Amino acid sequence: MVEQDAQGNDKLPLTIDATDCIAGRMCSQISKLLLRGHSVRVVNAEKTMMSGNRYMIIDSYRKFLTISSATNPINGPVHPRRPDRILTKMIRGMLPKRKSSGISSFKRLRVYISVPPELKDAKMETFKNSKIRKPQSYYLSLGDVAKEIGWSGAVNYE
Protein backbone atom coordinates (compact mmCIF):
# COMPACT_ATOMS: atom_id res chain seq x y z
CA MET A 1 0.00 0.00 0.00
CA VAL A 2 3.01 2.30 0.42
CA GLU A 3 3.92 3.97 -2.84
CA GLN A 4 6.86 6.18 -3.77
CA ASP A 5 7.56 8.56 -6.62
CA ALA A 6 10.25 8.15 -9.31
CA GLN A 7 13.04 9.29 -6.95
CA GLY A 8 11.88 6.79 -4.33
CA ASN A 9 11.68 9.23 -1.44
CA ASP A 10 8.19 10.75 -1.37
CA LYS A 11 4.86 8.98 -0.91
CA LEU A 12 2.25 9.30 -3.63
CA PRO A 13 -1.28 10.13 -2.48
CA LEU A 14 -3.58 7.17 -1.92
CA THR A 15 -7.00 7.33 -3.55
CA ILE A 16 -9.67 5.53 -1.54
CA ASP A 17 -13.04 4.61 -3.06
CA ALA A 18 -15.66 4.89 -0.31
CA THR A 19 -18.43 3.13 -2.22
CA ASP A 20 -20.28 0.61 0.00
CA CYS A 21 -17.86 1.04 2.92
CA ILE A 22 -19.09 1.43 6.49
CA ALA A 23 -18.23 4.99 7.50
CA GLY A 24 -16.76 4.42 10.97
CA ARG A 25 -14.52 1.51 9.99
CA MET A 26 -13.24 3.30 6.90
CA CYS A 27 -12.58 6.57 8.76
CA SER A 28 -10.54 4.83 11.46
CA GLN A 29 -8.31 3.21 8.85
CA ILE A 30 -7.91 6.48 6.96
CA SER A 31 -6.92 8.30 10.16
CA LYS A 32 -4.23 5.67 10.81
CA LEU A 33 -2.88 6.17 7.29
CA LEU A 34 -2.81 9.95 7.78
CA LEU A 35 -0.93 9.63 11.08
CA ARG A 36 1.66 7.42 9.35
CA GLY A 37 2.36 10.24 6.87
CA HIS A 38 0.33 9.28 3.81
CA SER A 39 -1.69 11.73 1.74
CA VAL A 40 -5.20 10.39 1.31
CA ARG A 41 -7.90 11.33 -1.18
CA VAL A 42 -11.36 9.86 -0.63
CA VAL A 43 -13.83 9.75 -3.54
CA ASN A 44 -17.55 8.88 -3.64
CA ALA A 45 -18.22 10.20 -0.13
CA GLU A 46 -21.97 10.21 -0.75
CA LYS A 47 -21.95 6.41 -1.28
CA THR A 48 -20.48 5.67 2.14
CA MET A 49 -22.82 3.54 4.24
CA MET A 50 -23.94 3.95 7.83
CA SER A 51 -25.23 0.97 9.80
CA GLY A 52 -28.12 1.15 12.20
CA ASN A 53 -31.74 2.14 12.24
CA ARG A 54 -32.49 4.58 9.41
CA TYR A 55 -34.83 6.78 11.45
CA MET A 56 -32.55 6.90 14.50
CA ILE A 57 -29.58 8.03 12.37
CA ILE A 58 -31.56 10.81 10.66
CA ASP A 59 -33.13 11.88 13.96
CA SER A 60 -29.74 12.09 15.70
CA TYR A 61 -28.36 14.27 12.86
CA ARG A 62 -31.40 16.56 13.07
CA LYS A 63 -30.92 16.93 16.82
CA PHE A 64 -27.24 17.70 16.20
CA LEU A 65 -28.25 20.55 13.89
CA THR A 66 -30.22 22.24 16.67
CA ILE A 67 -27.09 22.82 18.77
CA SER A 68 -26.04 26.46 18.51
CA SER A 69 -24.64 29.31 20.55
CA ALA A 70 -27.00 30.71 23.16
CA THR A 71 -25.78 34.29 22.82
CA ASN A 72 -25.35 34.57 19.04
CA PRO A 73 -26.20 31.57 16.84
CA ILE A 74 -24.49 33.17 13.82
CA ASN A 75 -21.10 32.61 15.48
CA GLY A 76 -21.54 28.85 15.38
CA PRO A 77 -20.97 26.04 15.70
CA VAL A 78 -21.55 25.47 11.98
CA HIS A 79 -22.76 21.94 11.20
CA PRO A 80 -21.93 20.34 7.84
CA ARG A 81 -24.70 19.13 5.57
CA ARG A 82 -22.66 17.92 2.57
CA PRO A 83 -21.48 14.28 2.62
CA ASP A 84 -17.84 15.18 1.99
CA ARG A 85 -17.83 17.63 4.91
CA ILE A 86 -19.57 15.12 7.20
CA LEU A 87 -16.96 12.46 6.34
CA THR A 88 -14.14 14.98 6.84
CA LYS A 89 -15.42 15.79 10.35
CA MET A 90 -15.71 12.08 11.14
CA ILE A 91 -12.05 11.59 10.24
CA ARG A 92 -11.01 14.75 12.11
CA GLY A 93 -12.68 13.36 15.23
CA MET A 94 -10.31 10.39 15.07
CA LEU A 95 -7.17 12.53 14.83
CA PRO A 96 -5.43 14.44 17.63
CA LYS A 97 -6.50 17.75 16.09
CA ARG A 98 -4.72 20.00 18.61
CA LYS A 99 -1.32 18.27 18.36
CA SER A 100 1.10 19.12 15.58
CA SER A 101 0.95 15.54 14.24
CA GLY A 102 -2.83 15.72 13.94
CA ILE A 103 -2.80 19.17 12.35
CA SER A 104 -0.25 18.16 9.70
CA SER A 105 -2.00 14.86 9.00
CA PHE A 106 -5.41 16.55 8.63
CA LYS A 107 -3.91 18.84 5.96
CA ARG A 108 -3.06 15.75 3.89
CA LEU A 109 -6.72 14.70 3.64
CA ARG A 110 -9.03 15.49 0.70
CA VAL A 111 -12.61 14.19 0.47
CA TYR A 112 -14.68 14.47 -2.72
CA ILE A 113 -18.29 13.90 -3.73
CA SER A 114 -18.26 11.46 -6.69
CA VAL A 115 -15.01 11.29 -8.69
CA PRO A 116 -13.51 14.61 -9.86
CA PRO A 117 -12.01 14.75 -13.38
CA GLU A 118 -8.41 14.93 -12.14
CA LEU A 119 -8.83 11.60 -10.30
CA LYS A 120 -10.61 9.65 -13.07
CA ASP A 121 -7.41 7.80 -14.04
CA ALA A 122 -6.08 7.30 -10.51
CA LYS A 123 -5.81 3.79 -9.11
CA MET A 124 -8.65 3.35 -6.59
CA GLU A 125 -8.10 1.34 -3.45
CA THR A 126 -10.56 0.17 -0.82
CA PHE A 127 -10.53 -1.48 2.58
CA LYS A 128 -11.92 -5.01 2.43
CA ASN A 129 -12.74 -5.22 6.14
CA SER A 130 -14.87 -2.06 5.97
CA LYS A 131 -17.08 -3.24 3.08
CA ILE A 132 -20.73 -3.95 3.83
CA ARG A 133 -21.58 -7.62 4.30
CA LYS A 134 -25.39 -7.49 4.05
CA PRO A 135 -27.59 -6.16 1.23
CA GLN A 136 -27.66 -2.38 0.82
CA SER A 137 -31.20 -2.19 2.18
CA TYR A 138 -29.79 -2.82 5.69
CA TYR A 139 -27.70 0.37 5.52
CA LEU A 140 -28.21 4.08 4.96
CA SER A 141 -25.95 6.01 2.60
CA LEU A 142 -24.34 9.25 3.69
CA GLY A 143 -25.88 10.98 0.66
CA ASP A 144 -29.36 10.05 1.88
CA VAL A 145 -28.60 11.40 5.36
CA ALA A 146 -27.25 14.63 3.85
CA LYS A 147 -30.37 15.10 1.71
CA GLU A 148 -32.58 14.59 4.76
CA ILE A 149 -30.76 17.33 6.70
CA GLY A 150 -30.69 19.94 3.94
CA TRP A 151 -28.13 19.12 1.22
CA SER A 152 -29.37 19.98 -2.26
CA GLY A 153 -27.34 17.24 -3.92
CA ALA A 154 -25.58 19.49 -6.43
CA VAL A 155 -21.93 18.83 -7.35
CA ASN A 156 -19.96 20.94 -9.83
CA TYR A 157 -16.33 20.07 -10.65
CA GLU A 158 -16.00 22.35 -13.69
C-alpha atoms as a PDB file:
ATOM      1  CA  MET A   1       0.000   0.000   0.000  1.00  0.00           C
ATOM      2  CA  VAL A   2       3.015   2.297   0.420  1.00  0.00           C
ATOM      3  CA  GLU A   3       3.923   3.966  -2.837  1.00  0.00           C
ATOM      4  CA  GLN A   4       6.860   6.178  -3.772  1.00  0.00           C
ATOM      5  CA  ASP A   5       7.556   8.564  -6.619  1.00  0.00           C
ATOM      6  CA  ALA A   6      10.253   8.152  -9.311  1.00  0.00           C
ATOM      7  CA  GLN A   7      13.040   9.295  -6.946  1.00  0.00           C
ATOM      8  CA  GLY A   8      11.884   6.788  -4.326  1.00  0.00           C
ATOM      9  CA  ASN A   9      11.678   9.231  -1.436  1.00  0.00           C
ATOM     10  CA  ASP A  10       8.193  10.747  -1.372  1.00  0.00           C
ATOM     11  CA  LYS A  11       4.865   8.976  -0.908  1.00  0.00           C
ATOM     12  CA  LEU A  12       2.252   9.303  -3.626  1.00  0.00           C
ATOM     13  CA  PRO A  13      -1.279  10.132  -2.475  1.00  0.00           C
ATOM     14  CA  LEU A  14      -3.579   7.166  -1.925  1.00  0.00           C
ATOM     15  CA  THR A  15      -6.999   7.329  -3.553  1.00  0.00           C
ATOM     16  CA  ILE A  16      -9.671   5.526  -1.543  1.00  0.00           C
ATOM     17  CA  ASP A  17     -13.042   4.607  -3.060  1.00  0.00           C
ATOM     18  CA  ALA A  18     -15.658   4.892  -0.312  1.00  0.00           C
ATOM     19  CA  THR A  19     -18.427   3.129  -2.224  1.00  0.00           C
ATOM     20  CA  ASP A  20     -20.277   0.606  -0.004  1.00  0.00           C
ATOM     21  CA  CYS A  21     -17.855   1.043   2.924  1.00  0.00           C
ATOM     22  CA  ILE A  22     -19.093   1.433   6.490  1.00  0.00           C
ATOM     23  CA  ALA A  23     -18.225   4.992   7.495  1.00  0.00           C
ATOM     24  CA  GLY A  24     -16.762   4.419  10.970  1.00  0.00           C
ATOM     25  CA  ARG A  25     -14.515   1.513   9.986  1.00  0.00           C
ATOM     26  CA  MET A  26     -13.239   3.301   6.901  1.00  0.00           C
ATOM     27  CA  CYS A  27     -12.581   6.569   8.756  1.00  0.00           C
ATOM     28  CA  SER A  28     -10.537   4.833  11.455  1.00  0.00           C
ATOM     29  CA  GLN A  29      -8.306   3.210   8.847  1.00  0.00           C
ATOM     30  CA  ILE A  30      -7.912   6.484   6.956  1.00  0.00           C
ATOM     31  CA  SER A  31      -6.921   8.296  10.163  1.00  0.00           C
ATOM     32  CA  LYS A  32      -4.233   5.669  10.810  1.00  0.00           C
ATOM     33  CA  LEU A  33      -2.875   6.167   7.287  1.00  0.00           C
ATOM     34  CA  LEU A  34      -2.807   9.945   7.785  1.00  0.00           C
ATOM     35  CA  LEU A  35      -0.933   9.630  11.080  1.00  0.00           C
ATOM     36  CA  ARG A  36       1.664   7.416   9.349  1.00  0.00           C
ATOM     37  CA  GLY A  37       2.365  10.236   6.870  1.00  0.00           C
ATOM     38  CA  HIS A  38       0.328   9.282   3.812  1.00  0.00           C
ATOM     39  CA  SER A  39      -1.685  11.733   1.738  1.00  0.00           C
ATOM     40  CA  VAL A  40      -5.204  10.386   1.315  1.00  0.00           C
ATOM     41  CA  ARG A  41      -7.899  11.330  -1.182  1.00  0.00           C
ATOM     42  CA  VAL A  42     -11.356   9.863  -0.628  1.00  0.00           C
ATOM     43  CA  VAL A  43     -13.829   9.755  -3.536  1.00  0.00           C
ATOM     44  CA  ASN A  44     -17.554   8.878  -3.635  1.00  0.00           C
ATOM     45  CA  ALA A  45     -18.220  10.201  -0.135  1.00  0.00           C
ATOM     46  CA  GLU A  46     -21.969  10.209  -0.752  1.00  0.00           C
ATOM     47  CA  LYS A  47     -21.948   6.411  -1.279  1.00  0.00           C
ATOM     48  CA  THR A  48     -20.478   5.672   2.143  1.00  0.00           C
ATOM     49  CA  MET A  49     -22.816   3.540   4.239  1.00  0.00           C
ATOM     50  CA  MET A  50     -23.942   3.946   7.835  1.00  0.00           C
ATOM     51  CA  SER A  51     -25.230   0.970   9.795  1.00  0.00           C
ATOM     52  CA  GLY A  52     -28.121   1.153  12.195  1.00  0.00           C
ATOM     53  CA  ASN A  53     -31.742   2.144  12.241  1.00  0.00           C
ATOM     54  CA  ARG A  54     -32.487   4.583   9.410  1.00  0.00           C
ATOM     55  CA  TYR A  55     -34.833   6.779  11.450  1.00  0.00           C
ATOM     56  CA  MET A  56     -32.550   6.900  14.495  1.00  0.00           C
ATOM     57  CA  ILE A  57     -29.585   8.034  12.368  1.00  0.00           C
ATOM     58  CA  ILE A  58     -31.557  10.813  10.656  1.00  0.00           C
ATOM     59  CA  ASP A  59     -33.125  11.882  13.962  1.00  0.00           C
ATOM     60  CA  SER A  60     -29.736  12.094  15.695  1.00  0.00           C
ATOM     61  CA  TYR A  61     -28.358  14.270  12.865  1.00  0.00           C
ATOM     62  CA  ARG A  62     -31.399  16.556  13.066  1.00  0.00           C
ATOM     63  CA  LYS A  63     -30.919  16.929  16.824  1.00  0.00           C
ATOM     64  CA  PHE A  64     -27.239  17.696  16.204  1.00  0.00           C
ATOM     65  CA  LEU A  65     -28.249  20.552  13.891  1.00  0.00           C
ATOM     66  CA  THR A  66     -30.222  22.244  16.666  1.00  0.00           C
ATOM     67  CA  ILE A  67     -27.087  22.815  18.773  1.00  0.00           C
ATOM     68  CA  SER A  68     -26.044  26.459  18.513  1.00  0.00           C
ATOM     69  CA  SER A  69     -24.637  29.314  20.548  1.00  0.00           C
ATOM     70  CA  ALA A  70     -26.999  30.706  23.158  1.00  0.00           C
ATOM     71  CA  THR A  71     -25.780  34.288  22.820  1.00  0.00           C
ATOM     72  CA  ASN A  72     -25.347  34.568  19.044  1.00  0.00           C
ATOM     73  CA  PRO A  73     -26.198  31.569  16.841  1.00  0.00           C
ATOM     74  CA  ILE A  74     -24.485  33.174  13.825  1.00  0.00           C
ATOM     75  CA  ASN A  75     -21.103  32.608  15.477  1.00  0.00           C
ATOM     76  CA  GLY A  76     -21.539  28.850  15.380  1.00  0.00           C
ATOM     77  CA  PRO A  77     -20.969  26.035  15.697  1.00  0.00           C
ATOM     78  CA  VAL A  78     -21.546  25.470  11.980  1.00  0.00           C
ATOM     79  CA  HIS A  79     -22.762  21.943  11.198  1.00  0.00           C
ATOM     80  CA  PRO A  80     -21.928  20.338   7.837  1.00  0.00           C
ATOM     81  CA  ARG A  81     -24.699  19.126   5.572  1.00  0.00           C
ATOM     82  CA  ARG A  82     -22.665  17.923   2.573  1.00  0.00           C
ATOM     83  CA  PRO A  83     -21.483  14.281   2.621  1.00  0.00           C
ATOM     84  CA  ASP A  84     -17.838  15.176   1.992  1.00  0.00           C
ATOM     85  CA  ARG A  85     -17.832  17.626   4.909  1.00  0.00           C
ATOM     86  CA  ILE A  86     -19.569  15.123   7.203  1.00  0.00           C
ATOM     87  CA  LEU A  87     -16.962  12.462   6.342  1.00  0.00           C
ATOM     88  CA  THR A  88     -14.145  14.976   6.840  1.00  0.00           C
ATOM     89  CA  LYS A  89     -15.417  15.794  10.349  1.00  0.00           C
ATOM     90  CA  MET A  90     -15.714  12.081  11.136  1.00  0.00           C
ATOM     91  CA  ILE A  91     -12.046  11.585  10.240  1.00  0.00           C
ATOM     92  CA  ARG A  92     -11.013  14.753  12.110  1.00  0.00           C
ATOM     93  CA  GLY A  93     -12.677  13.360  15.227  1.00  0.00           C
ATOM     94  CA  MET A  94     -10.315  10.390  15.069  1.00  0.00           C
ATOM     95  CA  LEU A  95      -7.171  12.531  14.829  1.00  0.00           C
ATOM     96  CA  PRO A  96      -5.433  14.442  17.635  1.00  0.00           C
ATOM     97  CA  LYS A  97      -6.500  17.754  16.094  1.00  0.00           C
ATOM     98  CA  ARG A  98      -4.723  20.003  18.614  1.00  0.00           C
ATOM     99  CA  LYS A  99      -1.322  18.268  18.362  1.00  0.00           C
ATOM    100  CA  SER A 100       1.101  19.120  15.579  1.00  0.00           C
ATOM    101  CA  SER A 101       0.955  15.540  14.244  1.00  0.00           C
ATOM    102  CA  GLY A 102      -2.829  15.716  13.940  1.00  0.00           C
ATOM    103  CA  ILE A 103      -2.798  19.169  12.351  1.00  0.00           C
ATOM    104  CA  SER A 104      -0.247  18.157   9.701  1.00  0.00           C
ATOM    105  CA  SER A 105      -2.005  14.856   9.004  1.00  0.00           C
ATOM    106  CA  PHE A 106      -5.406  16.549   8.625  1.00  0.00           C
ATOM    107  CA  LYS A 107      -3.909  18.837   5.956  1.00  0.00           C
ATOM    108  CA  ARG A 108      -3.058  15.749   3.891  1.00  0.00           C
ATOM    109  CA  LEU A 109      -6.721  14.701   3.636  1.00  0.00           C
ATOM    110  CA  ARG A 110      -9.031  15.491   0.704  1.00  0.00           C
ATOM    111  CA  VAL A 111     -12.606  14.193   0.468  1.00  0.00           C
ATOM    112  CA  TYR A 112     -14.677  14.474  -2.721  1.00  0.00           C
ATOM    113  CA  ILE A 113     -18.285  13.896  -3.725  1.00  0.00           C
ATOM    114  CA  SER A 114     -18.263  11.463  -6.689  1.00  0.00           C
ATOM    115  CA  VAL A 115     -15.007  11.291  -8.691  1.00  0.00           C
ATOM    116  CA  PRO A 116     -13.507  14.613  -9.858  1.00  0.00           C
ATOM    117  CA  PRO A 117     -12.011  14.753 -13.380  1.00  0.00           C
ATOM    118  CA  GLU A 118      -8.406  14.933 -12.137  1.00  0.00           C
ATOM    119  CA  LEU A 119      -8.829  11.603 -10.296  1.00  0.00           C
ATOM    120  CA  LYS A 120     -10.609   9.655 -13.074  1.00  0.00           C
ATOM    121  CA  ASP A 121      -7.406   7.795 -14.040  1.00  0.00           C
ATOM    122  CA  ALA A 122      -6.084   7.298 -10.505  1.00  0.00           C
ATOM    123  CA  LYS A 123      -5.814   3.788  -9.105  1.00  0.00           C
ATOM    124  CA  MET A 124      -8.652   3.351  -6.594  1.00  0.00           C
ATOM    125  CA  GLU A 125      -8.102   1.335  -3.448  1.00  0.00           C
ATOM    126  CA  THR A 126     -10.559   0.173  -0.820  1.00  0.00           C
ATOM    127  CA  PHE A 127     -10.528  -1.481   2.584  1.00  0.00           C
ATOM    128  CA  LYS A 128     -11.917  -5.015   2.426  1.00  0.00           C
ATOM    129  CA  ASN A 129     -12.735  -5.220   6.136  1.00  0.00           C
ATOM    130  CA  SER A 130     -14.866  -2.061   5.972  1.00  0.00           C
ATOM    131  CA  LYS A 131     -17.080  -3.241   3.083  1.00  0.00           C
ATOM    132  CA  ILE A 132     -20.731  -3.950   3.834  1.00  0.00           C
ATOM    133  CA  ARG A 133     -21.583  -7.620   4.296  1.00  0.00           C
ATOM    134  CA  LYS A 134     -25.388  -7.491   4.052  1.00  0.00           C
ATOM    135  CA  PRO A 135     -27.587  -6.163   1.226  1.00  0.00           C
ATOM    136  CA  GLN A 136     -27.660  -2.379   0.819  1.00  0.00           C
ATOM    137  CA  SER A 137     -31.199  -2.187   2.183  1.00  0.00           C
ATOM    138  CA  TYR A 138     -29.790  -2.818   5.686  1.00  0.00           C
ATOM    139  CA  TYR A 139     -27.701   0.368   5.516  1.00  0.00           C
ATOM    140  CA  LEU A 140     -28.205   4.084   4.962  1.00  0.00           C
ATOM    141  CA  SER A 141     -25.951   6.006   2.601  1.00  0.00           C
ATOM    142  CA  LEU A 142     -24.342   9.251   3.694  1.00  0.00           C
ATOM    143  CA  GLY A 143     -25.882  10.985   0.664  1.00  0.00           C
ATOM    144  CA  ASP A 144     -29.364  10.052   1.880  1.00  0.00           C
ATOM    145  CA  VAL A 145     -28.596  11.403   5.357  1.00  0.00           C
ATOM    146  CA  ALA A 146     -27.249  14.625   3.848  1.00  0.00           C
ATOM    147  CA  LYS A 147     -30.371  15.100   1.705  1.00  0.00           C
ATOM    148  CA  GLU A 148     -32.576  14.593   4.757  1.00  0.00           C
ATOM    149  CA  ILE A 149     -30.761  17.333   6.703  1.00  0.00           C
ATOM    150  CA  GLY A 150     -30.688  19.939   3.936  1.00  0.00           C
ATOM    151  CA  TRP A 151     -28.125  19.124   1.219  1.00  0.00           C
ATOM    152  CA  SER A 152     -29.368  19.982  -2.264  1.00  0.00           C
ATOM    153  CA  GLY A 153     -27.342  17.241  -3.923  1.00  0.00           C
ATOM    154  CA  ALA A 154     -25.583  19.487  -6.430  1.00  0.00           C
ATOM    155  CA  VAL A 155     -21.928  18.826  -7.349  1.00  0.00           C
ATOM    156  CA  ASN A 156     -19.962  20.943  -9.826  1.00  0.00           C
ATOM    157  CA  TYR A 157     -16.331  20.067 -10.654  1.00  0.00           C
ATOM    158  CA  GLU A 158     -16.003  22.352 -13.689  1.00  0.00           C
END
